[in-house]
Every structure is written in C-alpha cells, then in structure tokens.
C-alpha cells in the first residue's frame, strides 16, 4: 500500500496509465480532494466510479 495517490502513480505504471485515461476534470478532483485517501489501485477505481456516478446524477437535472 502506498502513502497516497501521487506515490501510487509514481510506482505503478498500470495505475498511471489508467489514471491518465480519465477525463481531466476527474484527474484534478482526485489530486485536489482525494490524494491523501487513495493508497491502492482498488481504492482509485472505487473513488473514480463513485465520482463518475455523482457527475452523471448531477447532469440529469439539465
């Protein structure tokens, strides 16, 4: 388990590839608000899924 998202991205090329495939808004959100709480690839996938679902829900009102 890594110290944070930044460290995880430095040490795992597959996680880094996944992260860079995400939309920029999501990358920025992950770094600014979730960096200290993501220590594994599994946690990253979980948070990404949650944030994408939240984003999709917010678009339903427009």
PDB file of N, CA and C in Angstrom:
ATOM      1  N   UNK A   1       0.856  -1.174   0.000  1.00  0.00           N
ATOM      2  CA  UNK A   1       0.000   0.000   0.000  1.00  0.00           C
ATOM      3  C   UNK A   1       0.904   1.239   0.000  1.00  0.00           C
ATOM      4  N   UNK A   2       0.549   2.172  -0.851  1.00  0.00           N
ATOM      5  CA  UNK A   2       1.351   3.390  -0.984  1.00  0.00           C
ATOM      6  C   UNK A   2       0.859   4.490  -0.041  1.00  0.00           C
ATOM      7  N   UNK A   3       1.674   5.516   0.132  1.00  0.00           N
ATOM      8  CA  UNK A   3       1.374   6.624   1.047  1.00  0.00           C
ATOM      9  C   UNK A   3       0.157   7.421   0.587  1.00  0.00           C
ATOM     10  N   UNK A   4       0.057   7.662  -0.739  1.00  0.00           N
ATOM     11  CA  UNK A   4      -1.046   8.452  -1.279  1.00  0.00           C
ATOM     12  C   UNK A   4      -1.141   8.220  -2.789  1.00  0.00           C
ATOM     13  N   UNK A   5      -2.072   8.893  -3.421  1.00  0.00           N
ATOM     14  CA  UNK A   5      -2.278   8.721  -4.859  1.00  0.00           C
ATOM     15  C   UNK A   5      -1.028   9.095  -5.647  1.00  0.00           C
ATOM     16  N   UNK A   6      -0.398  10.182  -5.289  1.00  0.00           N
ATOM     17  CA  UNK A   6       0.805  10.608  -6.015  1.00  0.00           C
ATOM     18  C   UNK A   6       1.879   9.526  -5.998  1.00  0.00           C
ATOM     19  N   UNK A   7       2.106   8.946  -4.844  1.00  0.00           N
ATOM     20  CA  UNK A   7       3.103   7.873  -4.724  1.00  0.00           C
ATOM     21  C   UNK A   7       2.666   6.639  -5.508  1.00  0.00           C
ATOM     22  N   UNK A   8       1.398   6.319  -5.461  1.00  0.00           N
ATOM     23  CA  UNK A   8       0.868   5.178  -6.213  1.00  0.00           C
ATOM     24  C   UNK A   8       1.118   5.360  -7.705  1.00  0.00           C
ATOM     25  N   UNK A   9       0.881   6.557  -8.209  1.00  0.00           N
ATOM     26  CA  UNK A   9       1.080   6.823  -9.635  1.00  0.00           C
ATOM     27  C   UNK A   9       2.559   6.764 -10.017  1.00  0.00           C
ATOM     28  N   UNK A  10       3.439   7.103  -9.102  1.00  0.00           N
ATOM     29  CA  UNK A  10       4.875   7.033  -9.372  1.00  0.00           C
ATOM     30  C   UNK A  10       5.376   5.595  -9.440  1.00  0.00           C
ATOM     31  N   UNK A  11       4.753   4.712  -8.672  1.00  0.00           N
ATOM     32  CA  UNK A  11       5.280   3.345  -8.547  1.00  0.00           C
ATOM     33  C   UNK A  11       4.553   2.308  -9.386  1.00  0.00           C
ATOM     34  N   UNK A  12       3.395   2.638  -9.930  1.00  0.00           N
ATOM     35  CA  UNK A  12       2.621   1.658 -10.692  1.00  0.00           C
ATOM     36  C   UNK A  12       2.301   2.190 -12.094  1.00  0.00           C
ATOM     37  N   UNK A  13       2.942   1.620 -13.084  1.00  0.00           N
ATOM     38  CA  UNK A  13       2.721   2.087 -14.456  1.00  0.00           C
ATOM     39  C   UNK A  13       1.304   1.769 -14.941  1.00  0.00           C
ATOM     40  N   UNK A  14       0.739   0.649 -14.510  1.00  0.00           N
ATOM     41  CA  UNK A  14      -0.624   0.315 -14.943  1.00  0.00           C
ATOM     42  C   UNK A  14      -1.642   1.268 -14.313  1.00  0.00           C
ATOM     43  N   UNK A  15      -1.432   1.631 -13.060  1.00  0.00           N
ATOM     44  CA  UNK A  15      -2.314   2.594 -12.409  1.00  0.00           C
ATOM     45  C   UNK A  15      -2.159   3.969 -13.040  1.00  0.00           C
ATOM     46  N   UNK A  16      -0.935   4.338 -13.354  1.00  0.00           N
ATOM     47  CA  UNK A  16      -0.681   5.617 -14.017  1.00  0.00           C
ATOM     48  C   UNK A  16      -1.366   5.664 -15.395  1.00  0.00           C
ATOM     49  N   UNK A  17      -1.316   4.573 -16.139  1.00  0.00           N
ATOM     50  CA  UNK A  17      -1.989   4.514 -17.444  1.00  0.00           C
ATOM     51  C   UNK A  17      -3.497   4.671 -17.294  1.00  0.00           C
ATOM     52  N   UNK A  18      -4.060   3.992 -16.301  1.00  0.00           N
ATOM     53  CA  UNK A  18      -5.493   4.122 -16.038  1.00  0.00           C
ATOM     54  C   UNK A  18      -5.838   5.558 -15.669  1.00  0.00           C
ATOM     55  N   UNK A  19      -5.052   6.137 -14.775  1.00  0.00           N
ATOM     56  CA  UNK A  19      -5.308   7.496 -14.302  1.00  0.00           C
ATOM     57  C   UNK A  19      -5.264   8.496 -15.455  1.00  0.00           C
ATOM     58  N   UNK A  20      -4.278   8.379 -16.317  1.00  0.00           N
ATOM     59  CA  UNK A  20      -4.144   9.348 -17.414  1.00  0.00           C
ATOM     60  C   UNK A  20      -5.203   9.158 -18.489  1.00  0.00           C
ATOM     61  N   UNK A  21      -5.905   8.037 -18.462  1.00  0.00           N
ATOM     62  CA  UNK A  21      -7.005   7.831 -19.415  1.00  0.00           C
ATOM     63  C   UNK A  21      -8.303   8.491 -18.935  1.00  0.00           C
ATOM     64  N   UNK A  22      -8.320   8.947 -17.693  1.00  0.00           N
ATOM     65  CA  UNK A  22      -9.517   9.570 -17.121  1.00  0.00           C
ATOM     66  C   UNK A  22      -9.664  10.997 -17.633  1.00  0.00           C
ATOM     67  N   UNK A  23     -10.893  11.516 -17.634  1.00  0.00           N
ATOM     68  CA  UNK A  23     -11.087  12.912 -18.026  1.00  0.00           C
ATOM     69  C   UNK A  23     -10.288  13.847 -17.099  1.00  0.00           C
ATOM     70  N   UNK A  24      -9.855  14.960 -17.653  1.00  0.00           N
ATOM     71  CA  UNK A  24      -9.019  15.895 -16.892  1.00  0.00           C
ATOM     72  C   UNK A  24      -9.726  16.383 -15.634  1.00  0.00           C
ATOM     73  N   UNK A  25     -11.021  16.676 -15.721  1.00  0.00           N
ATOM     74  CA  UNK A  25     -11.743  17.167 -14.537  1.00  0.00           C
ATOM     75  C   UNK A  25     -11.641  16.157 -13.394  1.00  0.00           C
ATOM     76  N   UNK A  26     -11.664  14.869 -13.755  1.00  0.00           N
ATOM     77  CA  UNK A  26     -11.612  13.819 -12.746  1.00  0.00           C
ATOM     78  C   UNK A  26     -10.193  13.688 -12.174  1.00  0.00           C
ATOM     79  N   UNK A  27      -9.191  13.798 -13.015  1.00  0.00           N
ATOM     80  CA  UNK A  27      -7.808  13.777 -12.533  1.00  0.00           C
ATOM     81  C   UNK A  27      -7.568  14.908 -11.535  1.00  0.00           C
ATOM     82  N   UNK A  28      -8.043  16.089 -11.877  1.00  0.00           N
ATOM     83  CA  UNK A  28      -7.867  17.239 -10.987  1.00  0.00           C
ATOM     84  C   UNK A  28      -8.592  17.044  -9.659  1.00  0.00           C
ATOM     85  N   UNK A  29      -9.802  16.534  -9.714  1.00  0.00           N
ATOM     86  CA  UNK A  29     -10.583  16.264  -8.497  1.00  0.00           C
ATOM     87  C   UNK A  29      -9.870  15.241  -7.615  1.00  0.00           C
ATOM     88  N   UNK A  30      -9.365  14.199  -8.221  1.00  0.00           N
ATOM     89  CA  UNK A  30      -8.670  13.158  -7.462  1.00  0.00           C
ATOM     90  C   UNK A  30      -7.432  13.720  -6.770  1.00  0.00           C
ATOM     91  N   UNK A  31      -6.660  14.506  -7.479  1.00  0.00           N
ATOM     92  CA  UNK A  31      -5.444  15.080  -6.882  1.00  0.00           C
ATOM     93  C   UNK A  31      -5.771  16.107  -5.802  1.00  0.00           C
ATOM     94  N   UNK A  32      -6.763  16.939  -6.049  1.00  0.00           N
ATOM     95  CA  UNK A  32      -7.024  18.034  -5.105  1.00  0.00           C
ATOM     96  C   UNK A  32      -7.784  17.596  -3.857  1.00  0.00           C
ATOM     97  N   UNK A  33      -8.697  16.650  -3.995  1.00  0.00           N
ATOM     98  CA  UNK A  33      -9.569  16.310  -2.858  1.00  0.00           C
ATOM     99  C   UNK A  33      -9.420  14.896  -2.319  1.00  0.00           C
ATOM    100  N   UNK A  34      -8.759  14.016  -3.055  1.00  0.00           N
ATOM    101  CA  UNK A  34      -8.718  12.610  -2.637  1.00  0.00           C
ATOM    102  C   UNK A  34      -7.314  12.024  -2.566  1.00  0.00           C
ATOM    103  N   UNK A  35      -6.302  12.817  -2.858  1.00  0.00           N
ATOM    104  CA  UNK A  35      -4.924  12.331  -2.920  1.00  0.00           C
ATOM    105  C   UNK A  35      -4.505  11.578  -1.658  1.00  0.00           C
ATOM    106  N   UNK A  36      -4.801  12.135  -0.496  1.00  0.00           N
ATOM    107  CA  UNK A  36      -4.342  11.540   0.768  1.00  0.00           C
ATOM    108  C   UNK A  36      -5.085  10.267   1.154  1.00  0.00           C
ATOM    109  N   UNK A  37      -6.206   9.985   0.491  1.00  0.00           N
ATOM    110  CA  UNK A  37      -7.064   8.865   0.898  1.00  0.00           C
ATOM    111  C   UNK A  37      -7.007   7.680  -0.048  1.00  0.00           C
ATOM    112  N   UNK A  38      -6.249   7.795  -1.131  1.00  0.00           N
ATOM    113  CA  UNK A  38      -6.144   6.694  -2.102  1.00  0.00           C
ATOM    114  C   UNK A  38      -4.747   6.086  -1.978  1.00  0.00           C
ATOM    115  N   UNK A  39      -4.715   4.790  -1.625  1.00  0.00           N
ATOM    116  CA  UNK A  39      -3.446   4.103  -1.383  1.00  0.00           C
ATOM    117  C   UNK A  39      -3.253   2.884  -2.281  1.00  0.00           C
ATOM    118  N   UNK A  40      -4.327   2.424  -2.930  1.00  0.00           N
ATOM    119  CA  UNK A  40      -4.250   1.231  -3.782  1.00  0.00           C
ATOM    120  C   UNK A  40      -5.007   1.485  -5.081  1.00  0.00           C
ATOM    121  N   UNK A  41      -4.722   0.654  -6.083  1.00  0.00           N
ATOM    122  CA  UNK A  41      -5.451   0.749  -7.353  1.00  0.00           C
ATOM    123  C   UNK A  41      -6.942   0.484  -7.136  1.00  0.00           C
ATOM    124  N   UNK A  42      -7.258  -0.442  -6.250  1.00  0.00           N
ATOM    125  CA  UNK A  42      -8.658  -0.740  -5.951  1.00  0.00           C
ATOM    126  C   UNK A  42      -9.389   0.473  -5.388  1.00  0.00           C
ATOM    127  N   UNK A  43      -8.743   1.190  -4.493  1.00  0.00           N
ATOM    128  CA  UNK A  43      -9.349   2.400  -3.944  1.00  0.00           C
ATOM    129  C   UNK A  43      -9.531   3.455  -5.023  1.00  0.00           C
ATOM    130  N   UNK A  44      -8.565   3.580  -5.914  1.00  0.00           N
ATOM    131  CA  UNK A  44      -8.681   4.537  -7.011  1.00  0.00           C
ATOM    132  C   UNK A  44      -9.885   4.201  -7.883  1.00  0.00           C
ATOM    133  N   UNK A  45     -10.038   2.955  -8.262  1.00  0.00           N
ATOM    134  CA  UNK A  45     -11.176   2.542  -9.085  1.00  0.00           C
ATOM    135  C   UNK A  45     -12.502   2.812  -8.372  1.00  0.00           C
ATOM    136  N   UNK A  46     -12.547   2.540  -7.083  1.00  0.00           N
ATOM    137  CA  UNK A  46     -13.765   2.767  -6.303  1.00  0.00           C
ATOM    138  C   UNK A  46     -14.148   4.253  -6.298  1.00  0.00           C
ATOM    139  N   UNK A  47     -13.170   5.118  -6.022  1.00  0.00           N
ATOM    140  CA  UNK A  47     -13.437   6.558  -5.954  1.00  0.00           C
ATOM    141  C   UNK A  47     -13.812   7.095  -7.337  1.00  0.00           C
ATOM    142  N   UNK A  48     -13.132   6.637  -8.375  1.00  0.00           N
ATOM    143  CA  UNK A  48     -13.465   7.065  -9.741  1.00  0.00           C
ATOM    144  C   UNK A  48     -14.900   6.690 -10.072  1.00  0.00           C
ATOM    145  N   UNK A  49     -15.279   5.467  -9.779  1.00  0.00           N
ATOM    146  CA  UNK A  49     -16.646   5.021 -10.049  1.00  0.00           C
ATOM    147  C   UNK A  49     -17.657   5.895  -9.305  1.00  0.00           C
ATOM    148  N   UNK A  50     -17.396   6.167  -8.038  1.00  0.00           N
ATOM    149  CA  UNK A  50     -18.289   6.993  -7.230  1.00  0.00           C
ATOM    150  C   UNK A  50     -18.417   8.399  -7.813  1.00  0.00           C
ATOM    151  N   UNK A  51     -17.288   9.021  -8.144  1.00  0.00           N
ATOM    152  CA  UNK A  51     -17.312  10.391  -8.662  1.00  0.00           C
ATOM    153  C   UNK A  51     -17.994  10.466 -10.030  1.00  0.00           C
ATOM    154  N   UNK A  52     -17.789   9.457 -10.866  1.00  0.00           N
ATOM    155  CA  UNK A  52     -18.448   9.448 -12.167  1.00  0.00           C
ATOM    156  C   UNK A  52     -19.959   9.299 -12.017  1.00  0.00           C
ATOM    157  N   UNK A  53     -20.387   8.468 -11.084  1.00  0.00           N
ATOM    158  CA  UNK A  53     -21.827   8.322 -10.834  1.00  0.00           C
ATOM    159  C   UNK A  53     -22.418   9.622 -10.304  1.00  0.00           C
ATOM    160  N   UNK A  54     -21.706  10.293  -9.410  1.00  0.00           N
ATOM    161  CA  UNK A  54     -22.175  11.582  -8.884  1.00  0.00           C
ATOM    162  C   UNK A  54     -22.285  12.610 -10.013  1.00  0.00           C
ATOM    163  N   UNK A  55     -21.315  12.619 -10.892  1.00  0.00           N
ATOM    164  CA  UNK A  55     -21.320  13.541 -12.023  1.00  0.00           C
ATOM    165  C   UNK A  55     -22.489  13.242 -12.960  1.00  0.00           C
ATOM    166  N   UNK A  56     -22.749  11.966 -13.202  1.00  0.00           N
ATOM    167  CA  UNK A  56     -23.869  11.568 -14.069  1.00  0.00           C
ATOM    168  C   UNK A  56     -25.201  11.983 -13.459  1.00  0.00           C
ATOM    169  N   UNK A  57     -25.333  11.836 -12.144  1.00  0.00           N
ATOM    170  CA  UNK A  57     -26.581  12.235 -11.457  1.00  0.00           C
ATOM    171  C   UNK A  57     -26.810  13.730 -11.568  1.00  0.00           C
ATOM    172  N   UNK A  58     -25.744  14.508 -11.445  1.00  0.00           N
ATOM    173  CA  UNK A  58     -25.899  15.960 -11.499  1.00  0.00           C
ATOM    174  C   UNK A  58     -26.312  16.412 -12.897  1.00  0.00           C
ATOM    175  N   UNK A  59     -25.969  15.672 -13.919  1.00  0.00           N
ATOM    176  CA  UNK A  59     -26.355  16.019 -15.293  1.00  0.00           C
ATOM    177  C   UNK A  59     -27.820  15.711 -15.588  1.00  0.00           C
ATOM    178  N   UNK A  60     -28.454  14.907 -14.782  1.00  0.00           N
ATOM    179  CA  UNK A  60     -29.851  14.526 -15.002  1.00  0.00           C
ATOM    180  C   UNK A  60     -30.784  15.708 -14.841  1.00  0.00           C
ATOM    181  N   UNK A  61     -30.366  16.753 -14.174  1.00  0.00           N
ATOM    182  CA  UNK A  61     -31.235  17.884 -13.889  1.00  0.00           C
ATOM    183  C   UNK A  61     -31.201  18.945 -14.979  1.00  0.00           C
ATOM    184  N   UNK A  62     -30.387  18.743 -15.990  1.00  0.00           N
ATOM    185  CA  UNK A  62     -30.265  19.740 -17.048  1.00  0.00           C
ATOM    186  C   UNK A  62     -30.932  19.290 -18.316  1.00  0.00           C
TER     187      UNK A  62
END
